[in-house]
C-alpha atoms as a PDB file:
ATOM      1  CA  MET A   1       6.771  28.501  19.871  1.00  0.00           C
ATOM      2  CA  ALA A   2       9.375  28.852  22.585  1.00  0.00           C
ATOM      3  CA  LYS A   3      11.953  31.576  22.287  1.00  0.00           C
ATOM      4  CA  GLY A   4      15.075  30.426  20.464  1.00  0.00           C
ATOM      5  CA  MET A   5      13.327  27.670  18.502  1.00  0.00           C
ATOM      6  CA  GLU A   6      13.629  29.787  15.331  1.00  0.00           C
ATOM      7  CA  ARG A   7      17.339  28.950  15.242  1.00  0.00           C
ATOM      8  CA  TRP A   8      16.619  25.222  14.863  1.00  0.00           C
ATOM      9  CA  PRO A   9      17.470  23.940  11.383  1.00  0.00           C
ATOM     10  CA  LYS A  10      14.557  23.585   9.001  1.00  0.00           C
ATOM     11  CA  VAL A  11      13.561  20.000   8.295  1.00  0.00           C
ATOM     12  CA  ASP A  12      11.640  18.479   5.401  1.00  0.00           C
ATOM     13  CA  LEU A  13       8.324  17.477   6.971  1.00  0.00           C
ATOM     14  CA  ASP A  14       7.282  15.697   3.767  1.00  0.00           C
ATOM     15  CA  SER A  15      10.315  13.388   3.611  1.00  0.00           C
ATOM     16  CA  GLY A  16       8.441  10.360   4.966  1.00  0.00           C
ATOM     17  CA  VAL A  17      10.888   9.927   7.830  1.00  0.00           C
ATOM     18  CA  GLU A  18       8.064   8.924  10.179  1.00  0.00           C
ATOM     19  CA  ASP A  19       7.463   5.875   7.962  1.00  0.00           C
ATOM     20  CA  VAL A  20      11.025   4.596   8.501  1.00  0.00           C
ATOM     21  CA  THR A  21      11.538   5.619  12.130  1.00  0.00           C
ATOM     22  CA  LEU A  22      11.548   2.026  13.385  1.00  0.00           C
ATOM     23  CA  SER A  23      14.060   1.050  10.706  1.00  0.00           C
ATOM     24  CA  ILE A  24      16.271   3.981  11.751  1.00  0.00           C
ATOM     25  CA  LEU A  25      16.070   2.899  15.408  1.00  0.00           C
ATOM     26  CA  GLU A  26      16.966  -0.672  14.434  1.00  0.00           C
ATOM     27  CA  TRP A  27      19.942   0.534  12.338  1.00  0.00           C
ATOM     28  CA  LEU A  28      21.154   2.699  15.231  1.00  0.00           C
ATOM     29  CA  GLY A  29      20.964  -0.307  17.566  1.00  0.00           C
ATOM     30  CA  GLU A  30      23.078  -2.301  15.113  1.00  0.00           C
ATOM     31  CA  GLN A  31      25.689   0.492  15.333  1.00  0.00           C
ATOM     32  CA  GLY A  32      25.747   0.206  19.140  1.00  0.00           C
ATOM     33  CA  VAL A  33      23.645   3.325  19.690  1.00  0.00           C
ATOM     34  CA  ASN A  34      20.913   3.266  22.348  1.00  0.00           C
ATOM     35  CA  ALA A  35      17.963   5.218  20.941  1.00  0.00           C
ATOM     36  CA  MET A  36      14.305   5.881  21.624  1.00  0.00           C
ATOM     37  CA  VAL A  37      11.359   7.998  20.489  1.00  0.00           C
ATOM     38  CA  ARG A  38       8.671   9.045  22.940  1.00  0.00           C
ATOM     39  CA  VAL A  39       5.616  11.277  23.120  1.00  0.00           C
ATOM     40  CA  ASP A  40       4.773  13.333  26.203  1.00  0.00           C
ATOM     41  CA  ALA A  41       1.009  13.783  26.594  1.00  0.00           C
ATOM     42  CA  GLU A  42       1.437  16.635  29.080  1.00  0.00           C
ATOM     43  CA  ARG A  43       3.608  18.648  26.688  1.00  0.00           C
ATOM     44  CA  MET A  44       1.146  17.886  23.884  1.00  0.00           C
ATOM     45  CA  ARG A  45      -1.728  19.169  26.023  1.00  0.00           C
ATOM     46  CA  ASP A  46       0.281  22.326  26.804  1.00  0.00           C
ATOM     47  CA  GLY A  47       0.960  22.982  23.103  1.00  0.00           C
ATOM     48  CA  GLN A  48       4.692  22.275  23.397  1.00  0.00           C
ATOM     49  CA  PRO A  49       6.752  19.986  21.143  1.00  0.00           C
ATOM     50  CA  ALA A  50       5.650  16.600  22.490  1.00  0.00           C
ATOM     51  CA  TRP A  51       7.883  14.216  20.516  1.00  0.00           C
ATOM     52  CA  THR A  52      11.420  13.454  21.709  1.00  0.00           C
ATOM     53  CA  PHE A  53      14.240  11.418  20.188  1.00  0.00           C
ATOM     54  CA  ALA A  54      17.136  10.524  22.487  1.00  0.00           C
ATOM     55  CA  ALA A  55      20.322   8.603  21.707  1.00  0.00           C
ATOM     56  CA  SER A  56      23.641   7.756  23.342  1.00  0.00           C
ATOM     57  CA  GLY A  57      26.470   5.272  23.168  1.00  0.00           C
ATOM     58  CA  GLY A  58      28.247   3.611  20.299  1.00  0.00           C
ATOM     59  CA  PRO A  59      30.046   6.099  18.072  1.00  0.00           C
ATOM     60  CA  LEU A  60      28.308   9.109  19.675  1.00  0.00           C
ATOM     61  CA  ASP A  61      30.640  11.131  21.909  1.00  0.00           C
ATOM     62  CA  GLY A  62      27.809  11.916  24.297  1.00  0.00           C
ATOM     63  CA  GLY A  63      24.052  11.817  24.488  1.00  0.00           C
ATOM     64  CA  MET A  64      21.853  13.742  22.119  1.00  0.00           C
ATOM     65  CA  ARG A  65      18.222  14.797  22.032  1.00  0.00           C
ATOM     66  CA  ALA A  66      15.882  16.230  19.422  1.00  0.00           C
ATOM     67  CA  ASP A  67      12.338  17.497  19.996  1.00  0.00           C
ATOM     68  CA  GLY A  68       9.492  18.253  17.616  1.00  0.00           C
ATOM     69  CA  ALA A  69       5.785  18.934  17.393  1.00  0.00           C
ATOM     70  CA  SER A  70       5.336  15.830  15.195  1.00  0.00           C
ATOM     71  CA  VAL A  71       7.191  12.578  14.619  1.00  0.00           C
ATOM     72  CA  ALA A  72       8.381  13.918  11.248  1.00  0.00           C
ATOM     73  CA  GLU A  73       9.745  17.122  12.777  1.00  0.00           C
ATOM     74  CA  CYS A  74      11.376  15.290  15.675  1.00  0.00           C
ATOM     75  CA  MET A  75      13.030  12.648  13.504  1.00  0.00           C
ATOM     76  CA  GLY A  76      14.054  15.186  10.872  1.00  0.00           C
ATOM     77  CA  ARG A  77      15.921  17.123  13.547  1.00  0.00           C
ATOM     78  CA  ALA A  78      17.344  13.890  14.970  1.00  0.00           C
ATOM     79  CA  LEU A  79      18.727  12.867  11.563  1.00  0.00           C
ATOM     80  CA  LEU A  80      20.384  16.273  11.158  1.00  0.00           C
ATOM     81  CA  ARG A  81      22.013  15.971  14.594  1.00  0.00           C
ATOM     82  CA  LEU A  82      23.094  12.358  14.009  1.00  0.00           C
ATOM     83  CA  ARG A  83      24.723  13.300  10.705  1.00  0.00           C
ATOM     84  CA  GLU A  84      26.442  16.268  12.342  1.00  0.00           C
ATOM     85  CA  ALA A  85      27.811  13.766  14.888  1.00  0.00           C
ATOM     86  CA  GLY A  86      29.301  11.686  12.048  1.00  0.00           C
ATOM     87  CA  LEU A  87      26.695   8.910  11.724  1.00  0.00           C
ATOM     88  CA  ALA A  88      25.734   8.342   8.085  1.00  0.00           C
ATOM     89  CA  VAL A  89      22.153   7.205   8.745  1.00  0.00           C
ATOM     90  CA  PRO A  90      20.922   5.467   5.561  1.00  0.00           C
ATOM     91  CA  PHE A  91      17.746   7.427   4.983  1.00  0.00           C
END
């Protein structure tokens, strides 16, 4: 784990967020937010967090990014950041 990652908020990896990720992306689009989830094979091969969520536009003041070793971890962090930014994501 990279230095400083311990300060990331803990997320509930058993929440099932990976099952509703597409619904979350669709809801964000309806709010005017551009959003995507991607996996980076090179980072996965190197043992680094390979999943990335990125969003910008709409009610967000600026762009945001969240990374994780799994879809659940990535999206859990993304939901925390989106809520901190004032978006009440319905999940």
